[in-house]
Amino acid sequence: MPHRSIKRRTTSSPAPIALTVAGSDSGGGAGIQADLKTFHAHGVHGLSVVTAITSQNTRGVTAVHPVPQSHIRSQIDAVFDDFSIGAVKTGMLGNAATTRLVAREMRKRKPGWLVVDPVMIATSGARLLTEDAVEAMVSALIPLADILTPNLPEAEALLGRSIRTPSDFDRAGQALRDLGAQAVLLKGGHAGGVTVVDRYYDDRGKFEIRHPRLKLEGHGTGCTLASAIAAKLAKGHSPRSAVRQASAYVHRALLHAYRPGTGKVHVLGH
């Protein structure tokens, strides 16, 4: 068979680059794995800094191994020394020391955009952030966030109070912004009802994003949403546009969700 030369494809403008700083999900549905799938789906080159290694499947988390601080720092050095990073998304950080380390590095590196997903509890109920790390997140990382994306239990943990009524949501959104975040996307999936209402707050005010509640339990939805926002920001979208489009993307991914394991959770169709 005659040899055929392969033409190398070159582009004048390389793909935008986004970085996820988060834990690994051995089940492939959340964490680093979901983040990189999301970046790829948006035409963004994805980088990763692994903060923890979980033993995890669709039935739950059975073990968590924190990555040593020195290796987290070396991963951050490696990616920032070589790539022009348009946006950073943080997910599972695990403990106070890692949270403070990531905050110090983000303050030093000054990425164009920082999306903070304050991952605390897995879908299975396993705790993914130690109690003392909440204070570190509030004092060190959240003040650096361009967009903070807590769900209802995470917002309650960050603020130390319950959130039940629409007025509670609005007060919580402002209180979370008062912690230093430029904008807050307060996710409403845990609030119940036939409609999921996410509320976005920034210095221009507030808007709501509504989707019909689907009859399934999604795995990796928060990771995917924050990563989609980061991908849109890396591609030049404004925060409000990034949030709206990322929310629509997650809803579509849920419509194509499937159950790859024997657990009840559905993995998103990225």
Protein backbone atom coordinates (compact mmCIF):
# COMPACT_ATOMS: atom_id res chain seq x y z
CA MET A 1 0.00 0.00 0.00
CA PRO A 2 1.54 3.35 -0.98
CA HIS A 3 2.38 5.66 1.89
CA ARG A 4 0.09 8.64 2.22
CA SER A 5 1.47 11.66 3.99
CA ILE A 6 -0.67 13.10 6.77
CA LYS A 7 -1.14 16.82 6.63
CA ARG A 8 -0.72 18.46 9.97
CA ARG A 9 -3.56 20.85 10.76
CA THR A 10 -2.44 24.21 12.02
CA THR A 11 -4.50 27.13 13.24
CA SER A 12 -3.61 30.78 13.45
CA SER A 13 -5.47 31.10 16.76
CA PRO A 14 -5.16 28.14 19.12
CA ALA A 15 -8.08 26.93 21.19
CA PRO A 16 -8.77 28.84 24.39
CA ILE A 17 -7.36 27.19 27.50
CA ALA A 18 -9.07 26.51 30.81
CA LEU A 19 -7.77 24.89 33.98
CA THR A 20 -9.63 22.78 36.52
CA VAL A 21 -8.25 22.44 40.04
CA ALA A 22 -10.25 19.63 41.58
CA GLY A 23 -10.46 16.02 42.70
CA SER A 24 -10.48 12.94 40.50
CA ASP A 25 -13.60 10.77 40.19
CA SER A 26 -12.63 7.18 39.35
CA GLY A 27 -16.23 6.61 38.22
CA GLY A 28 -15.85 9.19 35.46
CA GLY A 29 -19.00 11.17 36.20
CA ALA A 30 -17.83 14.16 38.24
CA GLY A 31 -14.66 15.98 39.28
CA ILE A 32 -11.70 16.32 36.94
CA GLN A 33 -13.20 13.83 34.51
CA ALA A 34 -16.45 15.78 34.09
CA ASP A 35 -14.53 19.05 33.87
CA LEU A 36 -12.30 17.86 31.04
CA LYS A 37 -15.26 16.39 29.14
CA THR A 38 -17.01 19.75 29.47
CA PHE A 39 -13.99 21.74 28.30
CA HIS A 40 -13.65 19.44 25.27
CA ALA A 41 -17.35 19.78 24.42
CA HIS A 42 -16.89 23.56 24.34
CA GLY A 43 -13.82 23.52 22.11
CA VAL A 44 -11.51 24.49 24.95
CA HIS A 45 -8.15 22.89 25.70
CA GLY A 46 -8.40 21.55 29.24
CA LEU A 47 -5.67 21.49 31.86
CA SER A 48 -5.92 19.87 35.27
CA VAL A 49 -4.43 20.10 38.74
CA VAL A 50 -5.52 17.09 40.80
CA THR A 51 -6.08 17.89 44.47
CA ALA A 52 -7.41 14.54 45.65
CA ILE A 53 -7.89 11.00 44.38
CA THR A 54 -11.24 9.45 45.22
CA SER A 55 -12.27 5.81 45.08
CA GLN A 56 -15.71 6.38 43.65
CA ASN A 57 -18.41 4.88 41.49
CA THR A 58 -22.10 5.45 40.85
CA ARG A 59 -22.94 4.01 44.28
CA GLY A 60 -20.77 6.38 46.31
CA VAL A 61 -17.34 7.43 47.54
CA THR A 62 -15.40 4.77 49.46
CA ALA A 63 -12.06 6.54 49.98
CA VAL A 64 -10.40 9.94 49.52
CA HIS A 65 -6.64 10.40 49.26
CA PRO A 66 -5.47 14.06 49.41
CA VAL A 67 -2.61 14.87 47.05
CA PRO A 68 0.46 16.21 48.93
CA GLN A 69 0.81 20.00 48.98
CA SER A 70 4.17 19.91 47.21
CA HIS A 71 2.72 18.03 44.28
CA ILE A 72 -0.32 20.30 43.99
CA ARG A 73 2.06 23.25 43.87
CA SER A 74 4.25 21.58 41.25
CA GLN A 75 1.20 20.88 39.05
CA ILE A 76 0.19 24.55 39.29
CA ASP A 77 3.75 25.62 38.44
CA ALA A 78 3.82 23.27 35.45
CA VAL A 79 0.60 24.49 33.82
CA PHE A 80 1.07 28.21 34.48
CA ASP A 81 4.69 28.09 33.29
CA ASP A 82 3.68 26.73 29.89
CA PHE A 83 0.13 27.78 29.02
CA SER A 84 -1.81 30.99 28.58
CA ILE A 85 -4.78 30.13 30.80
CA GLY A 86 -7.99 31.98 30.05
CA ALA A 87 -10.02 30.77 33.02
CA VAL A 88 -9.63 28.64 36.14
CA LYS A 89 -12.32 26.57 37.82
CA THR A 90 -11.83 25.17 41.32
CA GLY A 91 -13.82 22.21 42.61
CA MET A 92 -13.04 19.71 45.35
CA LEU A 93 -10.16 21.03 47.47
CA GLY A 94 -10.66 18.72 50.42
CA ASN A 95 -8.99 20.47 53.33
CA ALA A 96 -7.95 23.85 54.67
CA ALA A 97 -4.29 23.56 53.69
CA THR A 98 -5.10 22.85 50.06
CA THR A 99 -7.72 25.60 49.99
CA ARG A 100 -5.21 28.14 51.29
CA LEU A 101 -2.52 26.92 48.90
CA VAL A 102 -4.81 27.24 45.87
CA ALA A 103 -5.95 30.69 47.04
CA ARG A 104 -2.33 31.87 47.41
CA GLU A 105 -1.47 30.59 43.95
CA MET A 106 -4.53 32.17 42.33
CA ARG A 107 -3.74 35.47 44.03
CA LYS A 108 -0.18 35.26 42.69
CA ARG A 109 -1.02 33.98 39.20
CA LYS A 110 -4.02 36.30 38.65
CA PRO A 111 -5.90 34.25 36.01
CA GLY A 112 -8.26 36.20 33.78
CA TRP A 113 -11.28 34.51 35.34
CA LEU A 114 -11.78 32.40 38.46
CA VAL A 115 -14.91 30.28 38.97
CA VAL A 116 -15.18 28.79 42.46
CA ASP A 117 -17.43 25.77 42.95
CA PRO A 118 -17.36 25.24 46.74
CA VAL A 119 -17.61 21.44 46.63
CA MET A 120 -18.45 20.12 50.10
CA ILE A 121 -20.63 17.02 49.89
CA ALA A 122 -20.88 14.36 47.17
CA THR A 123 -24.19 13.24 45.71
CA SER A 124 -23.84 10.08 47.82
CA GLY A 125 -23.58 12.17 50.99
CA ALA A 126 -19.83 11.71 51.50
CA ARG A 127 -18.13 14.82 52.87
CA LEU A 128 -15.54 16.23 50.45
CA LEU A 129 -14.47 19.30 52.42
CA THR A 130 -13.32 19.28 56.04
CA GLU A 131 -15.04 21.54 58.55
CA ASP A 132 -11.98 23.76 59.03
CA ALA A 133 -11.66 24.25 55.27
CA VAL A 134 -14.96 26.17 55.15
CA GLU A 135 -13.36 29.08 57.01
CA ALA A 136 -10.35 28.95 54.68
CA MET A 137 -12.63 29.09 51.67
CA VAL A 138 -14.57 32.04 53.08
CA SER A 139 -11.51 34.03 54.09
CA ALA A 140 -9.01 33.17 51.34
CA LEU A 141 -10.59 31.80 48.15
CA ILE A 142 -14.08 33.28 47.77
CA PRO A 143 -12.78 36.89 47.84
CA LEU A 144 -10.87 36.05 44.64
CA ALA A 145 -13.86 34.56 42.81
CA ASP A 146 -15.34 36.17 39.73
CA ILE A 147 -18.25 33.73 39.99
CA LEU A 148 -19.15 31.59 43.00
CA THR A 149 -21.48 28.64 42.27
CA PRO A 150 -22.84 27.10 45.51
CA ASN A 151 -25.83 24.82 45.75
CA LEU A 152 -28.29 25.31 48.58
CA PRO A 153 -26.54 23.16 51.25
CA GLU A 154 -23.18 24.72 50.37
CA ALA A 155 -24.57 28.24 50.64
CA GLU A 156 -26.09 27.39 54.02
CA ALA A 157 -22.74 26.02 55.23
CA LEU A 158 -20.86 29.08 54.00
CA LEU A 159 -23.29 31.49 55.66
CA GLY A 160 -24.20 29.43 58.73
CA ARG A 161 -27.95 29.81 58.27
CA SER A 162 -30.87 28.13 56.55
CA ILE A 163 -32.24 29.26 53.20
CA ARG A 164 -35.88 28.43 52.57
CA THR A 165 -37.93 31.26 51.06
CA PRO A 166 -37.35 33.40 47.95
CA SER A 167 -36.41 36.31 50.21
CA ASP A 168 -33.93 34.00 51.98
CA PHE A 169 -32.34 33.30 48.60
CA ASP A 170 -31.98 36.98 47.81
CA ARG A 171 -30.46 37.76 51.20
CA ALA A 172 -28.11 34.80 50.81
CA GLY A 173 -27.06 35.94 47.34
CA GLN A 174 -26.11 39.36 48.68
CA ALA A 175 -24.42 37.88 51.74
CA LEU A 176 -22.31 35.59 49.55
CA ARG A 177 -21.31 38.57 47.41
CA ASP A 178 -20.41 40.40 50.61
CA LEU A 179 -17.82 37.64 51.21
CA GLY A 180 -15.96 39.08 48.22
CA ALA A 181 -17.21 37.20 45.16
CA GLN A 182 -17.92 39.44 42.19
CA ALA A 183 -20.97 37.38 41.25
CA VAL A 184 -22.91 34.46 42.73
CA LEU A 185 -24.90 31.76 40.98
CA LEU A 186 -27.05 30.25 43.74
CA LYS A 187 -28.25 26.90 42.41
CA GLY A 188 -31.75 25.80 43.30
CA GLY A 189 -31.69 22.08 42.58
CA HIS A 190 -32.04 21.17 46.26
CA ALA A 191 -35.01 23.48 46.83
CA GLY A 192 -37.67 21.10 45.55
CA GLY A 193 -40.61 21.87 43.29
CA VAL A 194 -41.38 21.06 39.67
CA THR A 195 -39.13 23.88 38.43
CA VAL A 196 -35.44 24.33 39.21
CA VAL A 197 -34.69 28.01 39.77
CA ASP A 198 -31.08 29.20 39.74
CA ARG A 199 -30.51 32.78 40.84
CA TYR A 200 -27.62 34.93 39.66
CA TYR A 201 -26.47 38.04 41.55
CA ASP A 202 -23.92 40.66 40.53
CA ASP A 203 -23.43 44.42 40.78
CA ARG A 204 -26.10 44.93 38.09
CA GLY A 205 -28.74 43.11 40.07
CA LYS A 206 -30.29 39.67 39.75
CA PHE A 207 -31.80 37.32 37.19
CA GLU A 208 -33.29 33.84 37.35
CA ILE A 209 -32.78 30.79 35.16
CA ARG A 210 -35.63 28.27 35.18
CA HIS A 211 -35.71 24.70 33.93
CA PRO A 212 -38.30 21.96 34.45
CA ARG A 213 -37.11 19.46 37.06
CA LEU A 214 -36.18 16.16 35.43
CA LYS A 215 -37.03 12.84 37.07
CA LEU A 216 -33.47 11.66 37.56
CA GLU A 217 -30.59 12.15 39.96
CA GLY A 218 -27.72 13.74 38.09
CA HIS A 219 -24.10 13.08 39.03
CA GLY A 220 -21.52 15.76 38.32
CA THR A 221 -23.99 18.53 37.53
CA GLY A 222 -22.26 21.12 39.72
CA CYS A 223 -18.81 20.28 38.34
CA THR A 224 -20.12 20.43 34.80
CA LEU A 225 -21.91 23.75 35.30
CA ALA A 226 -18.88 25.51 36.81
CA SER A 227 -16.61 24.10 34.09
CA ALA A 228 -19.00 25.18 31.34
CA ILE A 229 -19.02 28.70 32.81
CA ALA A 230 -15.20 28.71 32.87
CA ALA A 231 -15.09 27.45 29.27
CA LYS A 232 -17.43 30.21 28.10
CA LEU A 233 -15.40 32.84 29.95
CA ALA A 234 -12.19 31.53 28.37
CA LYS A 235 -13.87 31.91 24.98
CA GLY A 236 -14.63 35.58 25.63
CA HIS A 237 -18.22 35.55 26.88
CA SER A 238 -19.35 37.95 29.58
CA PRO A 239 -20.15 36.43 33.00
CA ARG A 240 -23.91 36.78 32.47
CA SER A 241 -23.75 35.21 29.01
CA ALA A 242 -21.45 32.45 30.27
CA VAL A 243 -23.84 31.56 33.09
CA ARG A 244 -26.93 31.49 30.88
CA GLN A 245 -25.28 29.37 28.20
CA ALA A 246 -23.64 27.03 30.71
CA SER A 247 -26.98 26.44 32.43
CA ALA A 248 -28.62 25.58 29.10
CA TYR A 249 -25.73 23.21 28.32
CA VAL A 250 -26.17 21.33 31.61
CA HIS A 251 -29.90 20.98 31.00
CA ARG A 252 -29.21 19.48 27.57
CA ALA A 253 -26.59 17.16 29.08
CA LEU A 254 -29.15 16.00 31.66
CA LEU A 255 -31.64 15.25 28.87
CA HIS A 256 -28.97 12.91 27.46
CA ALA A 257 -27.91 11.47 30.82
CA TYR A 258 -27.45 7.73 31.27
CA ARG A 259 -26.69 5.17 33.98
CA PRO A 260 -23.31 3.51 33.25
CA GLY A 261 -23.16 1.65 36.58
CA THR A 262 -25.48 -0.11 38.97
CA GLY A 263 -26.08 2.96 41.15
CA LYS A 264 -29.16 5.13 40.84
CA VAL A 265 -27.33 8.27 39.68
CA HIS A 266 -27.20 9.36 36.06
CA VAL A 267 -23.99 10.60 34.43
CA LEU A 268 -24.42 13.59 32.15
CA GLY A 269 -24.21 13.23 28.38
CA HIS A 270 -21.43 15.77 27.94
